[in-house]
Amino acid sequence: MMATISIDKDVIKRISQTRDLLDELLETIDVITDEELMRAIEEAEKEVKRGETQPLKSFVKELGLEDELRT
């Protein structure tokens, strides 16, 4: 004889949200423990503060992707 378990939809929703949060936490841990990636992020933040950025349109043009990204 097989038992039947009834689970409230809200409980299922909370379990799913918890799983998503745990996935995000693991991704964050992966990033902050990757020293090379963290150095690259820190350097990028410094470049932004120094104003060493460019408009998205010119970056897309530099990559030669104008036709692919046209809306």
PDB file of N, CA and C in Angstrom:
ATOM      1  N   MET A   1       0.844  -1.172   0.000  1.00  0.00           N
ATOM      2  CA  MET A   1       0.000   0.000   0.000  1.00  0.00           C
ATOM      3  C   MET A   1       0.896   1.244   0.000  1.00  0.00           C
ATOM      4  N   MET A   2       0.580   2.178  -0.873  1.00  0.00           N
ATOM      5  CA  MET A   2       1.382   3.380  -1.018  1.00  0.00           C
ATOM      6  C   MET A   2       0.709   4.537  -0.289  1.00  0.00           C
ATOM      7  N   ALA A   3       1.478   5.269   0.459  1.00  0.00           N
ATOM      8  CA  ALA A   3       0.963   6.415   1.203  1.00  0.00           C
ATOM      9  C   ALA A   3       0.884   7.634   0.287  1.00  0.00           C
ATOM     10  N   THR A   4      -0.073   8.481   0.527  1.00  0.00           N
ATOM     11  CA  THR A   4      -0.237   9.714  -0.230  1.00  0.00           C
ATOM     12  C   THR A   4       0.125  10.883   0.676  1.00  0.00           C
ATOM     13  N   ILE A   5       0.956  11.760   0.138  1.00  0.00           N
ATOM     14  CA  ILE A   5       1.364  12.944   0.894  1.00  0.00           C
ATOM     15  C   ILE A   5       0.787  14.166   0.195  1.00  0.00           C
ATOM     16  N   SER A   6       0.186  15.027   0.960  1.00  0.00           N
ATOM     17  CA  SER A   6      -0.378  16.257   0.425  1.00  0.00           C
ATOM     18  C   SER A   6       0.483  17.425   0.897  1.00  0.00           C
ATOM     19  N   ILE A   7       0.955  18.231  -0.076  1.00  0.00           N
ATOM     20  CA  ILE A   7       1.798  19.383   0.257  1.00  0.00           C
ATOM     21  C   ILE A   7       1.123  20.645  -0.254  1.00  0.00           C
ATOM     22  N   ASP A   8       1.016  21.617   0.610  1.00  0.00           N
ATOM     23  CA  ASP A   8       0.401  22.903   0.295  1.00  0.00           C
ATOM     24  C   ASP A   8       1.197  23.595  -0.821  1.00  0.00           C
ATOM     25  N   LYS A   9       0.500  24.257  -1.744  1.00  0.00           N
ATOM     26  CA  LYS A   9       1.152  24.967  -2.852  1.00  0.00           C
ATOM     27  C   LYS A   9       2.111  26.035  -2.351  1.00  0.00           C
ATOM     28  N   ASP A  10       1.767  26.695  -1.238  1.00  0.00           N
ATOM     29  CA  ASP A  10       2.660  27.716  -0.681  1.00  0.00           C
ATOM     30  C   ASP A  10       3.966  27.099  -0.200  1.00  0.00           C
ATOM     31  N   VAL A  11       3.900  25.905   0.348  1.00  0.00           N
ATOM     32  CA  VAL A  11       5.114  25.221   0.806  1.00  0.00           C
ATOM     33  C   VAL A  11       5.989  24.885  -0.391  1.00  0.00           C
ATOM     34  N   ILE A  12       5.387  24.417  -1.453  1.00  0.00           N
ATOM     35  CA  ILE A  12       6.146  24.109  -2.669  1.00  0.00           C
ATOM     36  C   ILE A  12       6.801  25.374  -3.215  1.00  0.00           C
ATOM     37  N   LYS A  13       6.063  26.479  -3.207  1.00  0.00           N
ATOM     38  CA  LYS A  13       6.602  27.757  -3.681  1.00  0.00           C
ATOM     39  C   LYS A  13       7.794  28.183  -2.823  1.00  0.00           C
ATOM     40  N   ARG A  14       7.677  28.058  -1.505  1.00  0.00           N
ATOM     41  CA  ARG A  14       8.775  28.436  -0.608  1.00  0.00           C
ATOM     42  C   ARG A  14       9.994  27.536  -0.802  1.00  0.00           C
ATOM     43  N   ILE A  15       9.764  26.260  -1.027  1.00  0.00           N
ATOM     44  CA  ILE A  15      10.881  25.342  -1.277  1.00  0.00           C
ATOM     45  C   ILE A  15      11.602  25.741  -2.562  1.00  0.00           C
ATOM     46  N   SER A  16      10.840  26.082  -3.586  1.00  0.00           N
ATOM     47  CA  SER A  16      11.429  26.507  -4.851  1.00  0.00           C
ATOM     48  C   SER A  16      12.216  27.807  -4.677  1.00  0.00           C
ATOM     49  N   GLN A  17      11.661  28.757  -3.940  1.00  0.00           N
ATOM     50  CA  GLN A  17      12.358  30.022  -3.686  1.00  0.00           C
ATOM     51  C   GLN A  17      13.636  29.779  -2.889  1.00  0.00           C
ATOM     52  N   THR A  18      13.577  28.882  -1.928  1.00  0.00           N
ATOM     53  CA  THR A  18      14.754  28.560  -1.121  1.00  0.00           C
ATOM     54  C   THR A  18      15.841  27.942  -1.995  1.00  0.00           C
ATOM     55  N   ARG A  19      15.443  27.048  -2.893  1.00  0.00           N
ATOM     56  CA  ARG A  19      16.407  26.440  -3.815  1.00  0.00           C
ATOM     57  C   ARG A  19      17.063  27.510  -4.675  1.00  0.00           C
ATOM     58  N   ASP A  20      16.268  28.448  -5.193  1.00  0.00           N
ATOM     59  CA  ASP A  20      16.810  29.523  -6.022  1.00  0.00           C
ATOM     60  C   ASP A  20      17.790  30.388  -5.236  1.00  0.00           C
ATOM     61  N   LEU A  21      17.435  30.710  -3.999  1.00  0.00           N
ATOM     62  CA  LEU A  21      18.335  31.508  -3.158  1.00  0.00           C
ATOM     63  C   LEU A  21      19.633  30.771  -2.870  1.00  0.00           C
ATOM     64  N   LEU A  22      19.548  29.477  -2.629  1.00  0.00           N
ATOM     65  CA  LEU A  22      20.759  28.687  -2.385  1.00  0.00           C
ATOM     66  C   LEU A  22      21.635  28.642  -3.631  1.00  0.00           C
ATOM     67  N   ASP A  23      21.025  28.523  -4.808  1.00  0.00           N
ATOM     68  CA  ASP A  23      21.795  28.562  -6.055  1.00  0.00           C
ATOM     69  C   ASP A  23      22.524  29.895  -6.201  1.00  0.00           C
ATOM     70  N   GLU A  24      21.813  30.985  -5.901  1.00  0.00           N
ATOM     71  CA  GLU A  24      22.429  32.312  -5.979  1.00  0.00           C
ATOM     72  C   GLU A  24      23.572  32.455  -4.983  1.00  0.00           C
ATOM     73  N   LEU A  25      23.386  31.930  -3.799  1.00  0.00           N
ATOM     74  CA  LEU A  25      24.431  31.977  -2.779  1.00  0.00           C
ATOM     75  C   LEU A  25      25.661  31.209  -3.229  1.00  0.00           C
ATOM     76  N   LEU A  26      25.464  30.044  -3.803  1.00  0.00           N
ATOM     77  CA  LEU A  26      26.600  29.257  -4.297  1.00  0.00           C
ATOM     78  C   LEU A  26      27.329  29.982  -5.420  1.00  0.00           C
ATOM     79  N   GLU A  27      26.584  30.631  -6.300  1.00  0.00           N
ATOM     80  CA  GLU A  27      27.216  31.401  -7.371  1.00  0.00           C
ATOM     81  C   GLU A  27      28.033  32.555  -6.793  1.00  0.00           C
ATOM     82  N   THR A  28      27.494  33.222  -5.779  1.00  0.00           N
ATOM     83  CA  THR A  28      28.205  34.324  -5.135  1.00  0.00           C
ATOM     84  C   THR A  28      29.488  33.823  -4.494  1.00  0.00           C
ATOM     85  N   ILE A  29      29.414  32.712  -3.823  1.00  0.00           N
ATOM     86  CA  ILE A  29      30.606  32.136  -3.190  1.00  0.00           C
ATOM     87  C   ILE A  29      31.642  31.789  -4.255  1.00  0.00           C
ATOM     88  N   ASP A  30      31.190  31.239  -5.389  1.00  0.00           N
ATOM     89  CA  ASP A  30      32.124  30.934  -6.479  1.00  0.00           C
ATOM     90  C   ASP A  30      32.847  32.185  -6.947  1.00  0.00           C
ATOM     91  N   VAL A  31      32.117  33.291  -7.070  1.00  0.00           N
ATOM     92  CA  VAL A  31      32.724  34.536  -7.539  1.00  0.00           C
ATOM     93  C   VAL A  31      33.706  35.080  -6.517  1.00  0.00           C
ATOM     94  N   ILE A  32      33.294  35.176  -5.261  1.00  0.00           N
ATOM     95  CA  ILE A  32      34.174  35.820  -4.268  1.00  0.00           C
ATOM     96  C   ILE A  32      35.380  34.969  -3.897  1.00  0.00           C
ATOM     97  N   THR A  33      35.351  33.685  -4.225  1.00  0.00           N
ATOM     98  CA  THR A  33      36.523  32.852  -3.941  1.00  0.00           C
ATOM     99  C   THR A  33      37.448  32.737  -5.146  1.00  0.00           C
ATOM    100  N   ASP A  34      37.052  33.321  -6.282  1.00  0.00           N
ATOM    101  CA  ASP A  34      37.886  33.315  -7.487  1.00  0.00           C
ATOM    102  C   ASP A  34      38.721  34.598  -7.474  1.00  0.00           C
ATOM    103  N   GLU A  35      39.968  34.479  -7.040  1.00  0.00           N
ATOM    104  CA  GLU A  35      40.825  35.660  -6.863  1.00  0.00           C
ATOM    105  C   GLU A  35      41.023  36.432  -8.166  1.00  0.00           C
ATOM    106  N   GLU A  36      41.204  35.739  -9.259  1.00  0.00           N
ATOM    107  CA  GLU A  36      41.425  36.412 -10.537  1.00  0.00           C
ATOM    108  C   GLU A  36      40.186  37.194 -10.952  1.00  0.00           C
ATOM    109  N   LEU A  37      39.027  36.604 -10.794  1.00  0.00           N
ATOM    110  CA  LEU A  37      37.781  37.279 -11.130  1.00  0.00           C
ATOM    111  C   LEU A  37      37.559  38.492 -10.234  1.00  0.00           C
ATOM    112  N   MET A  38      37.848  38.354  -8.946  1.00  0.00           N
ATOM    113  CA  MET A  38      37.672  39.473  -8.028  1.00  0.00           C
ATOM    114  C   MET A  38      38.614  40.630  -8.388  1.00  0.00           C
ATOM    115  N   ARG A  39      39.846  40.316  -8.778  1.00  0.00           N
ATOM    116  CA  ARG A  39      40.777  41.365  -9.207  1.00  0.00           C
ATOM    117  C   ARG A  39      40.243  42.071 -10.449  1.00  0.00           C
ATOM    118  N   ALA A  40      39.677  41.304 -11.383  1.00  0.00           N
ATOM    119  CA  ALA A  40      39.125  41.895 -12.610  1.00  0.00           C
ATOM    120  C   ALA A  40      37.934  42.798 -12.287  1.00  0.00           C
ATOM    121  N   ILE A  41      37.092  42.376 -11.359  1.00  0.00           N
ATOM    122  CA  ILE A  41      35.943  43.198 -10.964  1.00  0.00           C
ATOM    123  C   ILE A  41      36.424  44.480 -10.299  1.00  0.00           C
ATOM    124  N   GLU A  42      37.399  44.374  -9.416  1.00  0.00           N
ATOM    125  CA  GLU A  42      37.936  45.562  -8.743  1.00  0.00           C
ATOM    126  C   GLU A  42      38.539  46.526  -9.755  1.00  0.00           C
ATOM    127  N   GLU A  43      39.265  46.008 -10.737  1.00  0.00           N
ATOM    128  CA  GLU A  43      39.867  46.866 -11.761  1.00  0.00           C
ATOM    129  C   GLU A  43      38.772  47.531 -12.598  1.00  0.00           C
ATOM    130  N   ALA A  44      37.730  46.791 -12.932  1.00  0.00           N
ATOM    131  CA  ALA A  44      36.624  47.363 -13.697  1.00  0.00           C
ATOM    132  C   ALA A  44      35.940  48.478 -12.914  1.00  0.00           C
ATOM    133  N   GLU A  45      35.768  48.289 -11.623  1.00  0.00           N
ATOM    134  CA  GLU A  45      35.162  49.334 -10.794  1.00  0.00           C
ATOM    135  C   GLU A  45      36.031  50.590 -10.777  1.00  0.00           C
ATOM    136  N   LYS A  46      37.348  50.417 -10.732  1.00  0.00           N
ATOM    137  CA  LYS A  46      38.262  51.559 -10.769  1.00  0.00           C
ATOM    138  C   LYS A  46      38.167  52.283 -12.103  1.00  0.00           C
ATOM    139  N   GLU A  47      38.057  51.512 -13.200  1.00  0.00           N
ATOM    140  CA  GLU A  47      37.935  52.113 -14.528  1.00  0.00           C
ATOM    141  C   GLU A  47      36.661  52.950 -14.619  1.00  0.00           C
ATOM    142  N   VAL A  48      35.583  52.455 -14.040  1.00  0.00           N
ATOM    143  CA  VAL A  48      34.328  53.207 -14.050  1.00  0.00           C
ATOM    144  C   VAL A  48      34.502  54.504 -13.272  1.00  0.00           C
ATOM    145  N   LYS A  49      35.144  54.446 -12.107  1.00  0.00           N
ATOM    146  CA  LYS A  49      35.351  55.648 -11.301  1.00  0.00           C
ATOM    147  C   LYS A  49      36.223  56.667 -12.032  1.00  0.00           C
ATOM    148  N   ARG A  50      37.180  56.180 -12.837  1.00  0.00           N
ATOM    149  CA  ARG A  50      38.057  57.080 -13.591  1.00  0.00           C
ATOM    150  C   ARG A  50      37.394  57.566 -14.879  1.00  0.00           C
ATOM    151  N   GLY A  51      36.206  57.085 -15.146  1.00  0.00           N
ATOM    152  CA  GLY A  51      35.495  57.500 -16.352  1.00  0.00           C
ATOM    153  C   GLY A  51      35.973  56.805 -17.609  1.00  0.00           C
ATOM    154  N   GLU A  52      36.642  55.697 -17.460  1.00  0.00           N
ATOM    155  CA  GLU A  52      37.172  54.956 -18.604  1.00  0.00           C
ATOM    156  C   GLU A  52      36.125  53.966 -19.134  1.00  0.00           C
ATOM    157  N   THR A  53      35.020  54.515 -19.570  1.00  0.00           N
ATOM    158  CA  THR A  53      33.945  53.697 -20.119  1.00  0.00           C
ATOM    159  C   THR A  53      33.583  54.240 -21.486  1.00  0.00           C
ATOM    160  N   GLN A  54      32.742  53.512 -22.200  1.00  0.00           N
ATOM    161  CA  GLN A  54      32.275  53.985 -23.496  1.00  0.00           C
ATOM    162  C   GLN A  54      30.797  53.648 -23.643  1.00  0.00           C
ATOM    163  N   PRO A  55      30.109  54.413 -24.473  1.00  0.00           N
ATOM    164  CA  PRO A  55      28.683  54.121 -24.693  1.00  0.00           C
ATOM    165  C   PRO A  55      28.501  52.730 -25.311  1.00  0.00           C
ATOM    166  N   LEU A  56      27.388  52.109 -25.006  1.00  0.00           N
ATOM    167  CA  LEU A  56      27.110  50.773 -25.518  1.00  0.00           C
ATOM    168  C   LEU A  56      27.147  50.738 -27.037  1.00  0.00           C
ATOM    169  N   LYS A  57      26.601  51.767 -27.678  1.00  0.00           N
ATOM    170  CA  LYS A  57      26.581  51.785 -29.147  1.00  0.00           C
ATOM    171  C   LYS A  57      27.989  51.702 -29.736  1.00  0.00           C
ATOM    172  N   SER A  58      28.930  52.444 -29.156  1.00  0.00           N
ATOM    173  CA  SER A  58      30.286  52.406 -29.714  1.00  0.00           C
ATOM    174  C   SER A  58      30.961  51.065 -29.414  1.00  0.00           C
ATOM    175  N   PHE A  59      30.636  50.451 -28.288  1.00  0.00           N
ATOM    176  CA  PHE A  59      31.192  49.138 -27.961  1.00  0.00           C
ATOM    177  C   PHE A  59      30.662  48.086 -28.933  1.00  0.00           C
ATOM    178  N   VAL A  60      29.379  48.153 -29.216  1.00  0.00           N
ATOM    179  CA  VAL A  60      28.772  47.214 -30.167  1.00  0.00           C
ATOM    180  C   VAL A  60      29.405  47.393 -31.545  1.00  0.00           C
ATOM    181  N   LYS A  61      29.616  48.660 -31.939  1.00  0.00           N
ATOM    182  CA  LYS A  61      30.246  48.935 -33.236  1.00  0.00           C
ATOM    183  C   LYS A  61      31.676  48.397 -33.257  1.00  0.00           C
ATOM    184  N   GLU A  62      32.402  48.589 -32.167  1.00  0.00           N
ATOM    185  CA  GLU A  62      33.777  48.095 -32.065  1.00  0.00           C
ATOM    186  C   GLU A  62      33.826  46.573 -32.242  1.00  0.00           C
ATOM    187  N   LEU A  63      32.822  45.898 -31.739  1.00  0.00           N
ATOM    188  CA  LEU A  63      32.764  44.437 -31.863  1.00  0.00           C
ATOM    189  C   LEU A  63      32.214  43.987 -33.213  1.00  0.00           C
ATOM    190  N   GLY A  64      31.714  44.947 -33.997  1.00  0.00           N
ATOM    191  CA  GLY A  64      31.149  44.625 -35.305  1.00  0.00           C
ATOM    192  C   GLY A  64      29.817  43.904 -35.210  1.00  0.00           C
ATOM    193  N   LEU A  65      29.038  44.231 -34.193  1.00  0.00           N
ATOM    194  CA  LEU A  65      27.767  43.537 -33.970  1.00  0.00           C
ATOM    195  C   LEU A  65      26.549  44.406 -34.223  1.00  0.00           C
ATOM    196  N   GLU A  66      26.714  45.527 -34.922  1.00  0.00           N
ATOM    197  CA  GLU A  66      25.594  46.437 -35.129  1.00  0.00           C
ATOM    198  C   GLU A  66      24.391  45.739 -35.763  1.00  0.00           C
ATOM    199  N   ASP A  67      24.630  44.928 -36.782  1.00  0.00           N
ATOM    200  CA  ASP A  67      23.521  44.262 -37.490  1.00  0.00           C
ATOM    201  C   ASP A  67      22.825  43.236 -36.622  1.00  0.00           C
ATOM    202  N   GLU A  68      23.543  42.608 -35.740  1.00  0.00           N
ATOM    203  CA  GLU A  68      22.963  41.554 -34.903  1.00  0.00           C
ATOM    204  C   GLU A  68      22.128  42.125 -33.756  1.00  0.00           C
ATOM    205  N   LEU A  69      22.417  43.346 -33.343  1.00  0.00           N
ATOM    206  CA  LEU A  69      21.747  43.917 -32.180  1.00  0.00           C
ATOM    207  C   LEU A  69      20.763  45.023 -32.524  1.00  0.00           C
ATOM    208  N   ARG A  70      20.489  45.236 -33.779  1.00  0.00           N
ATOM    209  CA  ARG A  70      19.533  46.267 -34.183  1.00  0.00           C
ATOM    210  C   ARG A  70      18.135  45.919 -33.741  1.00  0.00           C
ATOM    211  N   THR A  71      17.434  46.939 -33.254  1.00  0.00           N
ATOM    212  CA  THR A  71      16.033  46.723 -32.862  1.00  0.00           C
ATOM    213  C   THR A  71      15.113  47.587 -33.673  1.00  0.00           C
TER     214      THR A  71
END
